[in-house]
Protein backbone atom coordinates (compact mmCIF):
# COMPACT_ATOMS: atom_id res chain seq x y z
CA MET A 1 -76.63 18.43 -3.42
CA GLN A 2 -78.65 16.30 -5.58
CA ALA A 3 -75.79 14.43 -7.09
CA ALA A 4 -74.23 13.73 -3.64
CA ALA A 5 -77.85 12.49 -2.54
CA THR A 6 -77.76 10.00 -5.63
CA ARG A 7 -74.23 8.84 -5.16
CA LEU A 8 -75.97 8.28 -1.25
CA ASN A 9 -78.57 6.07 -2.78
CA VAL A 10 -76.50 3.48 -4.70
CA ALA A 11 -74.42 3.25 -2.23
CA ALA A 12 -76.72 2.13 0.33
CA HIS A 13 -78.15 -0.08 -2.59
CA THR A 14 -74.79 -1.53 -3.09
CA PHE A 15 -73.75 -2.28 0.81
CA PRO A 16 -77.22 -2.36 2.04
CA ASN A 17 -75.71 -3.29 5.99
CA ASN A 18 -73.68 0.06 5.57
CA VAL A 19 -76.59 2.72 5.69
CA PRO A 20 -75.69 5.74 6.82
CA ASN A 21 -77.84 7.73 9.15
CA LYS A 22 -80.05 10.41 7.62
CA ASN A 23 -79.22 12.98 10.08
CA LEU A 24 -75.81 13.28 8.68
CA GLU A 25 -74.41 16.26 6.57
CA ILE A 26 -72.47 15.60 3.48
CA ALA A 27 -69.12 17.61 3.54
CA SER A 28 -68.21 20.00 0.34
CA ASP A 29 -65.32 18.95 -1.90
CA ASP A 30 -63.35 21.78 -0.38
CA SER A 31 -63.50 20.19 3.06
CA ASP A 32 -62.27 16.85 1.69
CA PHE A 33 -59.10 18.41 0.53
CA GLU A 34 -58.42 20.44 3.72
CA LEU A 35 -58.75 17.38 5.72
CA GLU A 36 -55.79 15.64 3.14
CA ASP A 37 -53.46 18.64 3.74
CA THR A 38 -53.88 18.16 7.22
CA ASP A 39 -53.18 14.59 7.60
CA ILE A 40 -50.30 15.15 4.86
CA ASN A 41 -48.51 17.98 7.24
CA GLU A 42 -49.40 15.68 10.28
CA ASP A 43 -46.88 12.93 8.66
CA ASP A 44 -44.18 15.86 7.71
CA SER A 45 -43.81 17.28 11.02
CA LYS A 46 -43.23 13.73 12.02
CA ASN A 47 -40.80 12.44 9.85
CA LYS A 48 -38.78 16.25 9.04
CA ILE A 49 -35.16 16.11 10.46
CA THR A 50 -34.72 19.12 12.35
CA LEU A 51 -31.36 20.82 13.68
CA GLN A 52 -32.63 20.32 17.31
CA LEU A 53 -33.34 16.74 16.43
CA LEU A 54 -29.80 16.20 15.10
CA LYS A 55 -28.36 17.56 18.42
CA ILE A 56 -30.41 14.80 20.33
CA TRP A 57 -29.32 12.08 17.75
CA GLN A 58 -25.74 13.41 18.12
CA GLU A 59 -26.71 13.12 22.14
CA LYS A 60 -27.84 9.82 22.12
CA ILE A 61 -25.57 8.18 19.77
CA GLN A 62 -22.82 8.57 21.97
CA THR A 63 -24.00 7.04 24.85
CA ASP A 64 -26.39 4.28 23.19
CA LYS A 65 -24.55 1.48 21.72
CA SER A 66 -27.68 -0.42 20.13
CA LEU A 67 -28.10 -0.94 16.81
CA ASN A 68 -31.05 1.61 16.64
CA MET A 69 -29.28 4.82 16.70
CA ILE A 70 -27.21 4.14 13.98
CA LYS A 71 -29.85 2.53 12.01
CA CYS A 72 -31.57 6.12 12.14
CA ALA A 73 -28.31 7.69 11.06
CA VAL A 74 -28.16 5.85 8.15
CA ASP A 75 -31.77 6.27 7.08
CA VAL A 76 -30.82 10.22 7.34
CA PHE A 77 -27.78 10.32 5.42
CA HIS A 78 -29.57 7.87 2.66
CA ALA A 79 -32.63 10.78 2.34
CA ALA A 80 -30.07 13.34 2.63
CA VAL A 81 -28.30 11.59 -0.65
CA GLU A 82 -31.22 10.67 -2.12
CA THR A 83 -32.41 14.15 -1.81
CA VAL A 84 -29.28 15.70 -3.53
CA ALA A 85 -28.66 13.08 -6.04
CA GLU A 86 -32.87 13.73 -7.05
CA SER A 87 -32.88 9.89 -7.95
CA ALA A 88 -35.55 8.80 -5.92
CA ASP A 89 -39.45 9.43 -5.08
CA PRO A 90 -39.44 11.17 -2.09
CA SER A 91 -42.41 9.64 -0.37
CA THR A 92 -40.71 6.60 -0.65
CA LEU A 93 -37.67 8.16 2.13
CA ARG A 94 -38.49 7.36 5.75
CA TYR A 95 -37.11 11.13 6.68
CA LYS A 96 -37.33 14.24 5.26
CA VAL A 97 -34.12 16.51 4.78
CA GLU A 98 -34.45 20.03 3.56
CA GLY A 99 -31.91 23.04 3.55
CA SER A 100 -28.64 23.36 3.68
CA ALA A 101 -28.30 23.89 6.83
CA VAL A 102 -30.12 20.66 7.71
CA PHE A 103 -28.01 18.52 5.27
CA ASN A 104 -24.65 19.59 6.44
CA GLY A 105 -25.64 18.82 10.06
CA VAL A 106 -26.90 15.22 8.63
CA VAL A 107 -23.42 14.55 7.04
CA GLN A 108 -21.34 15.79 10.11
CA LEU A 109 -23.07 13.46 12.26
CA CYS A 110 -22.49 10.81 10.16
CA ILE A 111 -19.14 11.53 9.40
CA LYS A 112 -17.86 12.37 13.15
CA GLU A 113 -19.81 9.80 14.77
CA LEU A 114 -20.68 6.84 12.74
CA PRO A 115 -17.02 5.28 12.50
CA GLU A 116 -16.78 5.01 16.63
CA ALA A 117 -20.25 3.71 16.54
CA PHE A 118 -19.98 1.21 14.39
CA LYS A 119 -16.43 0.21 16.34
CA CYS A 120 -18.51 0.24 19.82
CA PHE A 121 -21.53 -2.05 18.45
CA LEU A 122 -18.94 -4.39 17.01
CA LYS A 123 -16.58 -4.21 19.76
CA LEU A 124 -13.45 -3.65 17.41
CA ASP A 125 -10.51 -2.18 18.32
CA SER A 126 -7.44 -1.32 15.89
CA THR A 127 -6.01 -4.61 15.87
CA SER A 128 -8.90 -6.64 15.57
CA ILE A 129 -10.77 -3.67 12.57
CA LYS A 130 -9.66 -5.72 9.73
CA GLU A 131 -11.15 -8.83 10.45
CA VAL A 132 -14.56 -7.32 10.74
CA HIS A 133 -16.28 -10.46 9.36
CA LYS A 134 -15.75 -12.56 12.33
CA CYS A 135 -17.62 -10.51 14.61
CA LYS A 136 -20.45 -11.89 16.05
CA LYS A 137 -22.42 -9.21 15.24
CA PHE A 138 -21.71 -8.45 11.84
CA PRO A 139 -24.51 -9.93 10.19
CA LYS A 140 -26.84 -7.70 12.43
CA VAL A 141 -25.27 -4.60 10.86
CA GLN A 142 -24.04 -5.88 7.35
CA GLY A 143 -27.27 -4.53 5.27
CA ILE A 144 -26.79 -1.10 7.35
CA LEU A 145 -23.05 -0.92 6.32
CA LYS A 146 -23.88 -1.72 2.59
CA THR A 147 -26.53 0.90 2.69
CA TYR A 148 -24.35 3.94 4.14
CA LEU A 149 -21.12 3.08 1.93
CA ALA A 150 -23.35 3.05 -1.47
CA ASP A 151 -24.95 6.21 -0.52
CA LEU A 152 -21.30 7.31 0.55
CA ILE A 153 -19.82 6.25 -3.05
CA LYS A 154 -23.22 8.01 -4.39
CA ILE A 155 -22.30 11.25 -2.63
CA LEU A 156 -18.88 11.69 -4.28
CA GLN A 157 -20.46 11.30 -7.80
CA ASN A 158 -22.65 14.43 -7.09
CA ILE A 159 -19.73 16.35 -5.30
CA ALA A 160 -17.86 19.11 -7.19
CA SER A 161 -16.39 21.23 -4.38
CA ALA A 162 -12.98 19.99 -3.79
CA ASN A 163 -12.89 20.97 0.28
CA ILE A 164 -16.07 18.79 0.98
CA ILE A 165 -14.40 15.83 -1.57
CA THR A 166 -11.68 15.96 0.96
CA VAL A 167 -13.56 15.60 3.58
CA PHE A 168 -15.62 12.58 2.44
CA LEU A 169 -12.30 11.02 1.04
CA LYS A 170 -10.98 10.98 4.58
CA HIS A 171 -14.00 9.77 6.34
CA LEU A 172 -14.17 6.84 3.33
CA TYR A 173 -10.39 6.13 4.50
CA GLN A 174 -12.01 5.34 7.87
CA MET A 175 -14.63 3.13 6.56
CA LEU A 176 -12.61 1.12 4.23
CA PRO A 177 -12.07 -1.99 6.80
CA TYR A 178 -16.17 -2.45 6.08
CA THR A 179 -15.61 -1.25 2.46
CA GLN A 180 -13.54 -4.19 1.29
CA LEU A 181 -16.29 -6.65 2.84
CA PHE A 182 -18.75 -6.06 -0.29
CA SER A 183 -16.82 -6.81 -3.47
CA SER A 184 -20.07 -5.41 -5.38
CA LEU A 185 -18.74 -1.89 -4.10
CA ILE A 186 -14.76 -2.28 -4.65
CA LYS A 187 -15.11 -1.41 -8.37
CA PRO A 188 -17.41 1.01 -8.69
CA LEU A 189 -15.56 3.09 -5.67
CA LEU A 190 -12.07 2.61 -7.44
CA ARG A 191 -13.80 4.30 -10.49
CA ILE A 192 -14.64 7.46 -8.34
CA LEU A 193 -10.99 7.01 -6.92
CA LEU A 194 -9.03 7.02 -9.89
CA LYS A 195 -11.17 9.52 -11.14
CA LEU A 196 -10.27 11.91 -8.50
CA TRP A 197 -6.62 10.89 -8.40
CA SER A 198 -6.10 12.11 -11.90
CA THR A 199 -8.62 15.04 -12.35
CA GLY A 200 -8.77 16.47 -9.05
CA GLU A 201 -6.85 19.44 -7.29
CA GLU A 202 -3.73 18.65 -5.06
CA ASN A 203 -5.42 17.68 -1.94
CA VAL A 204 -8.02 16.03 -4.06
CA HIS A 205 -5.10 14.23 -5.66
CA ILE A 206 -3.46 12.62 -2.24
CA VAL A 207 -6.44 11.70 -0.36
CA ALA A 208 -7.84 9.83 -3.11
CA PHE A 209 -4.49 8.26 -4.06
CA ILE A 210 -4.13 6.93 0.13
CA ASN A 211 -7.63 5.27 -0.48
CA ILE A 212 -6.79 3.37 -3.63
CA PHE A 213 -3.42 2.44 -1.87
CA HIS A 214 -5.26 1.10 0.74
CA ILE A 215 -7.32 -1.02 -1.04
CA ALA A 216 -4.65 -2.42 -2.96
CA THR A 217 -2.51 -3.41 -0.15
CA ASN A 218 -4.85 -6.34 0.32
CA PRO A 219 -6.75 -6.50 -3.36
CA THR A 220 -7.79 -10.06 -5.32
CA ARG A 221 -6.24 -10.65 -8.54
CA SER A 222 -8.31 -8.90 -10.60
CA VAL A 223 -8.77 -5.63 -8.77
CA LEU A 224 -4.82 -5.10 -8.54
CA GLU A 225 -5.12 -5.96 -12.61
CA MET A 226 -8.00 -3.44 -13.21
CA LEU A 227 -5.51 -0.83 -11.01
CA LEU A 228 -2.39 -1.37 -12.95
CA LYS A 229 -3.98 -0.99 -16.67
CA ASN A 230 -6.46 1.88 -15.35
CA MET A 231 -4.08 3.88 -13.56
CA TYR A 232 -1.25 3.91 -16.74
CA VAL A 233 -4.05 4.92 -19.01
CA LYS A 234 -4.77 7.64 -17.07
CA TYR A 235 -1.46 8.95 -15.96
CA VAL A 236 -0.51 9.09 -19.87
CA GLU A 237 -3.80 10.76 -20.56
CA ASN A 238 -2.93 13.32 -17.97
CA ALA A 239 0.56 13.45 -19.51
CA LYS A 240 -0.36 14.63 -22.89
CA PHE A 241 0.61 18.50 -22.03
CA VAL A 242 3.45 19.27 -19.91
CA SER A 243 3.54 23.09 -18.18
CA HIS A 244 5.16 24.67 -15.19
CA ASN A 245 1.49 23.86 -14.02
CA THR A 246 1.03 20.67 -14.78
CA LEU A 247 4.57 19.39 -14.01
CA SER A 248 4.42 18.98 -10.77
CA GLU A 249 0.74 17.21 -11.19
CA ILE A 250 2.21 14.81 -13.36
CA ASN A 251 5.32 13.81 -11.18
CA PHE A 252 2.71 13.08 -8.43
CA MET A 253 1.12 10.75 -10.81
CA ARG A 254 4.01 8.98 -11.82
CA LEU A 255 5.75 8.47 -8.34
CA SER A 256 2.44 7.57 -6.87
CA LEU A 257 1.28 5.21 -9.85
CA ALA A 258 5.49 3.35 -9.64
CA GLU A 259 4.18 2.69 -5.48
CA ILE A 260 1.14 0.57 -7.05
CA TYR A 261 3.45 -1.52 -9.55
CA LEU A 262 5.68 -2.14 -6.71
CA LEU A 263 3.51 -4.13 -4.72
CA ASP A 264 3.39 -6.98 -7.07
CA HIS A 265 6.34 -7.44 -9.06
CA ASN A 266 5.42 -10.89 -11.05
CA LEU A 267 1.95 -9.03 -11.93
CA SER A 268 3.18 -5.62 -12.91
CA TYR A 269 5.99 -7.45 -15.38
CA ASN A 270 3.25 -8.68 -17.26
CA HIS A 271 1.79 -4.85 -17.67
CA ALA A 272 5.14 -3.60 -18.32
CA PHE A 273 6.53 -6.04 -20.88
CA LEU A 274 3.14 -4.81 -22.64
CA TYR A 275 3.58 -1.31 -22.67
CA ILE A 276 7.42 -1.28 -23.02
CA ARG A 277 6.77 -3.74 -26.06
CA GLN A 278 4.29 -0.97 -27.39
CA LEU A 279 6.72 1.76 -27.04
CA ALA A 280 9.40 -0.27 -29.04
CA ILE A 281 7.01 -0.94 -31.84
CA ARG A 282 6.24 2.82 -32.24
CA LEU A 283 10.00 3.59 -32.50
CA ARG A 284 10.36 0.38 -34.93
CA ASN A 285 7.65 2.57 -36.94
CA ALA A 286 9.50 5.69 -36.93
CA THR A 287 13.02 4.73 -37.75
CA THR A 288 11.72 2.45 -40.80
CA LEU A 289 9.25 3.79 -42.15
CA LYS A 290 10.40 7.66 -41.90
CA LYS A 291 6.32 9.63 -41.73
CA LYS A 292 5.53 12.42 -40.45
CA GLU A 293 2.76 10.58 -38.28
CA ASN A 294 5.43 7.66 -37.05
CA PHE A 295 7.54 10.73 -36.03
CA GLN A 296 5.13 12.30 -34.00
CA ALA A 297 3.91 9.10 -32.32
CA VAL A 298 7.27 9.03 -30.59
CA TYR A 299 8.67 12.69 -30.18
CA ASN A 300 6.06 13.85 -28.23
CA TRP A 301 5.34 14.45 -24.28
CA GLN A 302 3.05 10.91 -23.77
CA TYR A 303 5.97 9.02 -25.34
CA ILE A 304 8.69 10.54 -23.19
CA ASN A 305 6.85 10.65 -19.94
CA SER A 306 5.56 7.14 -20.40
CA LEU A 307 9.65 6.24 -20.84
CA ARG A 308 10.05 8.43 -17.58
CA PHE A 309 7.74 6.21 -15.79
CA TRP A 310 9.67 2.94 -16.71
CA THR A 311 12.58 4.48 -15.70
CA GLU A 312 11.09 5.44 -12.58
CA LEU A 313 9.54 2.01 -11.61
CA ILE A 314 12.14 -0.22 -12.85
CA THR A 315 15.38 1.91 -10.74
CA LYS A 316 13.58 1.43 -7.38
CA THR A 317 13.50 -2.63 -8.09
CA LYS A 318 16.01 -4.86 -6.74
CA LYS A 319 18.47 -7.23 -9.06
CA GLN A 320 16.45 -10.29 -8.10
CA SER A 321 12.90 -8.19 -9.25
CA MET A 322 11.77 -9.64 -12.59
CA LEU A 323 11.20 -5.99 -13.50
CA ARG A 324 14.60 -5.76 -13.58
CA SER A 325 14.79 -7.61 -16.32
CA LEU A 326 13.25 -5.11 -18.64
CA LEU A 327 16.54 -2.70 -17.98
CA TYR A 328 17.97 -3.23 -21.05
CA PRO A 329 15.27 -3.54 -23.54
CA LEU A 330 14.61 0.07 -21.76
CA VAL A 331 18.01 1.58 -22.03
CA GLN A 332 18.21 0.69 -25.97
CA ILE A 333 14.63 2.32 -26.63
CA ILE A 334 15.53 5.63 -24.91
CA THR A 335 18.98 5.57 -26.83
CA GLU A 336 17.36 4.77 -29.77
CA THR A 337 14.83 7.54 -29.59
CA LEU A 338 17.30 10.20 -28.80
CA LYS A 339 18.83 9.30 -32.31
CA VAL A 340 15.73 9.44 -34.50
CA ILE A 341 16.01 13.28 -35.18
CA PRO A 342 19.45 14.32 -34.06
CA THR A 343 18.81 18.46 -35.05
CA ALA A 344 19.45 21.51 -33.14
CA GLN A 345 15.28 21.60 -32.93
CA TYR A 346 15.18 18.38 -30.52
CA TYR A 347 17.89 19.15 -28.50
CA PRO A 348 15.54 19.26 -25.51
CA LEU A 349 14.46 15.79 -25.92
CA ARG A 350 17.68 14.52 -26.37
CA PHE A 351 18.12 16.07 -23.04
CA HIS A 352 15.22 14.53 -21.56
CA CYS A 353 16.84 10.89 -22.85
CA VAL A 354 20.12 11.36 -21.62
CA GLN A 355 18.77 12.50 -17.96
CA MET A 356 17.08 9.35 -17.99
CA LEU A 357 20.07 7.06 -18.77
CA ILE A 358 21.59 8.76 -16.42
CA ILE A 359 19.46 8.11 -13.58
CA ILE A 360 19.12 4.32 -14.72
CA SER A 361 23.08 4.34 -14.53
CA LYS A 362 23.58 6.11 -10.98
CA GLU A 363 20.73 3.94 -9.41
CA THR A 364 21.41 0.24 -10.87
CA GLY A 365 25.51 1.10 -10.92
CA MET A 366 24.96 -0.01 -14.42
CA PHE A 367 27.69 1.59 -17.08
CA ILE A 368 25.74 3.62 -19.89
CA PRO A 369 28.09 5.89 -21.89
CA VAL A 370 26.00 9.29 -22.10
CA LEU A 371 28.74 11.42 -22.89
CA PRO A 372 28.90 10.97 -26.68
CA PHE A 373 25.20 11.99 -26.77
CA LEU A 374 26.02 15.43 -25.19
CA LEU A 375 29.74 16.09 -26.98
CA GLU A 376 28.04 15.41 -29.86
CA VAL A 377 25.77 18.82 -29.62
CA LEU A 378 29.28 20.83 -28.47
CA ASP A 379 31.15 19.15 -31.76
CA SER A 380 28.31 19.60 -34.41
CA TYR A 381 26.23 23.10 -33.53
CA ASP A 382 28.24 25.98 -33.77
CA PHE A 383 27.86 28.35 -31.01
CA ASN A 384 30.12 31.34 -32.52
CA LYS A 385 26.88 32.18 -34.92
CA LYS A 386 25.44 35.41 -34.29
CA HIS A 387 21.89 35.30 -32.97
CA LYS A 388 19.12 37.21 -34.76
CA THR A 389 17.05 38.06 -31.56
CA ILE A 390 17.51 38.92 -27.85
CA SER A 391 15.69 37.03 -25.17
CA MET A 392 16.11 38.63 -21.34
CA LYS A 393 16.73 35.14 -20.04
CA PRO A 394 17.70 31.53 -20.77
CA VAL A 395 14.84 29.35 -22.51
CA PRO A 396 13.77 26.66 -19.36
CA LEU A 397 13.85 23.29 -21.19
CA THR A 398 12.51 21.35 -18.36
CA CYS A 399 8.78 21.82 -20.35
CA ILE A 400 10.13 21.87 -23.48
CA LEU A 401 10.69 18.92 -26.45
CA ARG A 402 11.34 21.12 -29.36
CA MET A 403 12.23 24.42 -29.94
CA SER A 404 10.33 26.78 -32.65
CA LYS A 405 12.69 28.34 -34.98
CA SER A 406 12.16 31.72 -33.45
CA GLN A 407 13.47 30.40 -30.46
CA LEU A 408 16.48 28.83 -32.04
CA ALA A 409 17.49 32.24 -33.42
CA GLU A 410 17.54 33.75 -29.61
CA ASN A 411 20.75 34.04 -27.68
CA GLY A 412 18.75 32.12 -24.85
CA PHE A 413 18.34 29.22 -26.64
CA LYS A 414 22.51 28.68 -27.12
CA ASP A 415 22.42 29.50 -23.11
CA SER A 416 20.16 27.20 -22.16
CA VAL A 417 22.20 24.60 -24.31
CA ILE A 418 25.71 25.31 -22.35
CA GLU A 419 24.05 25.34 -19.31
CA THR A 420 22.30 21.89 -19.75
CA ILE A 421 25.58 19.84 -21.03
CA TYR A 422 27.52 21.63 -17.93
CA GLN A 423 24.95 20.46 -15.99
CA LEU A 424 24.78 16.58 -17.24
CA ILE A 425 28.28 16.15 -17.55
CA LEU A 426 28.17 17.55 -14.21
CA GLU A 427 26.11 14.83 -13.29
CA ASN A 428 27.55 11.83 -14.93
CA ALA A 429 31.13 12.32 -13.68
CA ALA A 430 30.22 12.90 -10.27
CA ASN A 431 28.46 9.77 -10.44
CA GLU A 432 31.08 7.91 -11.41
CA SER A 433 34.06 10.23 -9.50
CA HIS A 434 34.75 7.04 -7.40
CA MET A 435 34.66 4.69 -10.12
CA ILE A 436 38.42 2.63 -10.87
CA TYR A 437 37.79 3.21 -14.84
CA PHE A 438 37.22 7.16 -14.41
CA PRO A 439 40.73 8.42 -16.36
CA GLU A 440 39.66 6.15 -19.31
CA VAL A 441 36.50 6.38 -19.91
CA TYR A 442 36.68 10.52 -19.37
CA ILE A 443 39.93 10.79 -21.45
CA SER A 444 38.15 11.34 -24.70
CA CYS A 445 35.78 13.89 -22.90
CA LEU A 446 38.57 15.90 -21.70
CA ILE A 447 39.86 15.95 -25.54
CA GLN A 448 36.76 17.07 -27.12
CA LEU A 449 36.59 19.76 -24.33
CA LYS A 450 39.50 21.27 -25.17
CA ALA A 451 38.77 21.07 -28.66
CA PHE A 452 35.56 22.81 -28.26
CA LEU A 453 37.44 25.73 -26.19
CA LYS A 454 40.06 26.13 -29.23
CA LYS A 455 37.29 26.82 -31.50
CA CYS A 456 34.42 28.53 -28.95
CA HIS A 457 34.85 32.69 -29.10
CA VAL A 458 32.02 33.14 -26.68
CA SER A 459 33.62 34.08 -22.99
CA ASN A 460 30.86 32.72 -21.27
CA TYR A 461 30.38 29.29 -22.95
CA CYS A 462 34.29 29.43 -22.18
CA ARG A 463 34.34 29.97 -18.69
CA LYS A 464 31.53 27.38 -18.13
CA ILE A 465 33.17 24.42 -19.96
CA LYS A 466 36.77 25.61 -18.71
CA GLN A 467 35.78 24.82 -15.06
CA LEU A 468 33.89 22.03 -15.79
CA LEU A 469 37.31 20.59 -17.60
CA ASP A 470 39.25 21.54 -14.35
CA LYS A 471 36.96 19.24 -12.39
CA ILE A 472 37.16 16.60 -14.56
CA GLU A 473 40.89 16.47 -14.69
CA GLU A 474 41.50 17.66 -11.14
CA ASN A 475 39.85 14.01 -10.68
CA ARG A 476 41.00 12.20 -12.97
CA LYS A 477 44.47 12.65 -11.54
CA TYR A 478 43.29 11.52 -8.15
CA ILE A 479 42.12 8.31 -9.26
CA GLU A 480 45.46 7.98 -11.04
CA THR A 481 46.88 8.72 -7.91
CA GLU A 482 44.98 6.27 -5.55
CA ARG A 483 45.30 3.51 -8.01
CA ILE A 484 49.06 4.02 -7.95
CA LYS A 485 49.04 3.62 -4.19
CA GLU A 486 47.21 0.24 -3.76
CA PRO A 487 47.39 -1.83 -7.09
CA ILE A 488 44.63 -4.09 -7.96
CA ALA A 489 43.99 -6.97 -10.00
CA LEU A 490 41.49 -6.21 -12.79
CA LYS A 491 40.34 -10.14 -12.25
CA ASN A 492 39.30 -9.54 -8.34
CA MET A 493 36.09 -7.56 -8.85
CA GLU A 494 35.41 -8.10 -5.01
CA GLU A 495 38.62 -6.35 -4.23
CA ILE A 496 37.91 -3.29 -7.13
CA THR A 497 34.32 -2.75 -5.62
CA ASN A 498 35.87 -2.44 -1.84
CA TRP A 499 38.28 -0.19 -3.66
CA GLU A 500 35.46 1.93 -5.13
CA ASN A 501 33.48 2.13 -2.14
CA ARG A 502 36.39 3.34 -0.07
CA ILE A 503 36.94 5.90 -2.15
CA LYS A 504 32.82 7.20 -2.52
CA THR A 505 32.74 6.93 1.24
CA GLY A 506 35.60 9.52 1.69
CA GLY A 507 34.03 11.45 -1.01
CA THR A 508 35.58 13.34 -4.31
CA GLU A 509 35.73 16.91 -5.02
CA ILE A 510 33.77 16.68 -8.05
CA ALA A 511 31.27 15.19 -6.00
CA LYS A 512 30.97 17.85 -3.09
CA PHE A 513 30.98 20.44 -5.95
CA TYR A 514 28.20 19.05 -7.60
CA VAL A 515 26.10 18.64 -4.45
CA SER A 516 26.39 22.50 -3.74
CA ARG A 517 25.83 22.96 -6.88
CA ILE A 518 22.90 20.70 -7.62
CA LYS A 519 21.14 22.57 -4.12
CA ILE A 520 21.52 26.45 -6.26
CA HIS A 521 19.77 24.61 -9.35
CA GLU A 522 16.77 22.98 -7.40
CA SER A 523 15.94 26.09 -5.84
CA GLN A 524 15.84 27.91 -9.05
CA LYS A 525 13.90 25.27 -10.23
CA LEU A 526 10.98 25.36 -7.41
CA LYS A 527 11.44 29.30 -8.13
CA LEU A 528 10.52 29.39 -11.35
CA LEU A 529 7.61 26.57 -11.21
CA THR A 530 6.43 28.03 -8.03
CA LYS A 531 6.16 31.62 -9.20
CA THR A 532 4.70 33.11 -12.68
CA GLU A 533 6.53 35.30 -15.15
CA GLU A 534 7.71 38.43 -13.25
CA MET A 535 8.13 40.10 -16.44
CA SER A 536 4.58 41.01 -17.21
CA GLU A 537 5.01 43.29 -14.79
CA TYR A 538 6.52 45.47 -16.63
CA LYS A 539 5.44 47.25 -19.45
CA LEU A 540 7.87 46.73 -22.25
CA PRO A 541 7.96 48.62 -25.31
CA VAL A 542 6.87 46.11 -28.11
CA VAL A 543 8.98 46.03 -31.16
CA LYS A 544 6.84 45.87 -34.67
CA LYS A 545 8.67 44.06 -37.29
CA SER A 546 9.42 46.02 -40.40
CA ARG A 547 8.28 45.11 -44.01
CA LYS A 548 11.76 43.94 -45.22
CA ARG A 549 12.09 41.73 -42.21
CA GLU A 550 8.63 40.26 -42.79
CA LEU A 551 9.99 39.31 -46.43
CA GLU A 552 12.71 37.71 -44.96
CA GLN A 553 11.12 35.75 -42.80
CA ILE A 554 8.02 34.61 -45.48
CA LYS A 555 11.09 33.86 -47.75
CA GLU A 556 12.45 31.47 -45.34
CA GLN A 557 9.54 29.91 -44.27
CA SER A 558 8.89 29.04 -48.35
CA GLU A 559 12.14 27.72 -48.39
CA GLU A 560 11.93 25.35 -45.80
CA GLU A 561 8.60 24.20 -47.01
CA SER A 562 9.64 23.58 -50.24
CA GLU A 563 12.72 21.09 -48.55
CA PHE A 564 10.13 19.66 -46.40
CA GLU A 565 7.78 19.01 -49.43
CA PHE A 566 11.51 17.47 -51.36
CA GLN A 567 12.06 14.87 -48.38
CA ILE A 568 8.41 13.74 -48.16
CA LYS A 569 8.47 12.39 -51.95
CA GLU A 570 12.25 11.07 -51.25
CA THR A 571 10.92 9.17 -48.07
CA ASN A 572 7.45 7.84 -49.33
CA ASN A 573 5.95 8.77 -52.78
CA ASP A 574 2.48 7.92 -50.98
CA VAL A 575 2.05 10.97 -49.07
CA GLN A 576 -0.59 13.33 -50.38
CA GLN A 577 0.78 16.52 -51.19
CA LYS A 578 -1.87 18.57 -51.55
CA PRO A 579 -1.95 20.39 -47.64
CA VAL A 580 2.00 21.00 -48.41
CA ILE A 581 1.01 22.72 -51.92
CA SER A 582 -1.66 24.71 -50.60
CA LYS A 583 0.86 26.17 -48.01
CA LEU A 584 3.12 27.14 -50.19
CA ASN A 585 0.16 28.92 -52.24
CA LYS A 586 -0.55 30.93 -49.22
CA SER A 587 2.56 32.11 -48.78
CA LYS A 588 3.71 32.98 -52.08
CA LYS A 589 0.47 35.16 -52.39
CA LYS A 590 1.36 36.45 -48.83
CA LYS A 591 4.64 37.34 -50.21
CA MET A 592 3.42 39.15 -53.32
CA LYS A 593 0.85 41.25 -51.19
CA ILE A 594 3.72 42.95 -49.17
CA GLN A 595 6.06 43.33 -51.80
CA LYS A 596 3.75 45.40 -53.42
CA GLU A 597 2.91 47.11 -50.42
CA TYR A 598 6.35 47.81 -49.84
CA ARG A 599 7.20 48.78 -53.36
CA GLU A 600 4.10 51.72 -53.13
């Protein structure tokens, strides 16, 4: 009490006109704190958002077309976003949002009511929404719109649930006509959308791309250039590993990326020329330097999926497009890629390249000689060789570029190779079955198929190749008969084109057979991609390798490693030999250990 009286005396001398009454009671320190607490609670009750208040606002915003209710909703959404992001001082916020139920209510209010509220205030309809900036009332709502859109972008960065992200992306699509008026928001928004397009779940992928495509239809040149570059880089990053689980995602990214590149052919040409040139440089280094790292730079999924994307893009363009001029270098790169390492281990990669060449030939009408790359396999590989292990079914080559040594020893490898060659030759023959040059082009194919039947002693393989041989022979005789009926001068290209179109319209037997077969093949392919391996349900016995067999495998491995070491010495003397020597020493030690155990 004495200290308090002393403070009052000092105050009286300092401010003589404000001398307090002597009869006043001096409050304690505890009472000061109690008053402050009551003041805070009163302020909180004023600005605290409740579910009941949100219902009242939802009814008002539907009838009240003024800017006041829109501003209240935007402020509440801003408070909710800042609360989640924890990036602002709560004391600076106008409203206080507490609890998940209230937060969800705020989000629901804004997503459901704000798009229509902005339209009503600006008096827009479906035709005039693209010209928002011309509205008289737009300057009044411009700041509120920018704040709301910035918060919408911010909340997309802080959400992890795929379902909630999908909801916000659908709402964002409704707000895109306003977003494109603020250039400072476009690039941050595109960064988030590109991330969701490349890393999100299936639904998120699709909705994110719809937003990207809407922005890309009316962009500035710098925005479209950023999209072309960043989307291609993200596609290549995601195409590093291919499996049955990731194949559909990579296919979607490739198709959607092609749609963006087709928006501006002239601008896309600059990027396509640069990236295709980079692929050509890698291929040149692999063929000239012949180092292991150069081979690995070409024989990987990123390289093959890049070629597949440019195949997809260029085949969708018309003859007048600048992108079509890149078709010849692309075909050269694909054909040289499959020749780099022409061994049995890389037959799957060869088949992927041949598939791309067939697609180019079919879509562009350009003749590409793909048969030699397939017939070479039948001529060089010994299909009569007995397999060392038995697999339950053929090895699927859809998601494989290189066969392992254990897979090469299985019977499923040979089954898959014959099936793939059969499928690709049949597809190519069906595409060219109406061409006037069919008998001359396929005569060498018929000769080589007959030669294969003479030397092959496996009945299943012979049956397939015999069926293919009969179909091609039947179509060859049909085209020759039609040519005799109607002689055509070889100089008259227009007449030849009309004749080929007439044959194509009528349909050939081999083309009809291929269409019926491809339906079965695609259904089996989809079944393989959508279902997991059913064999895991059965508890099959595990066959343990004998010590003798293990010794033989180690011996083969050491011989192959020594051959690899010798090849490195021949091709490049600068390569360090230490890693190879250490591997050989390890294999020798293991071999000696097992030999000792085997003797005992």
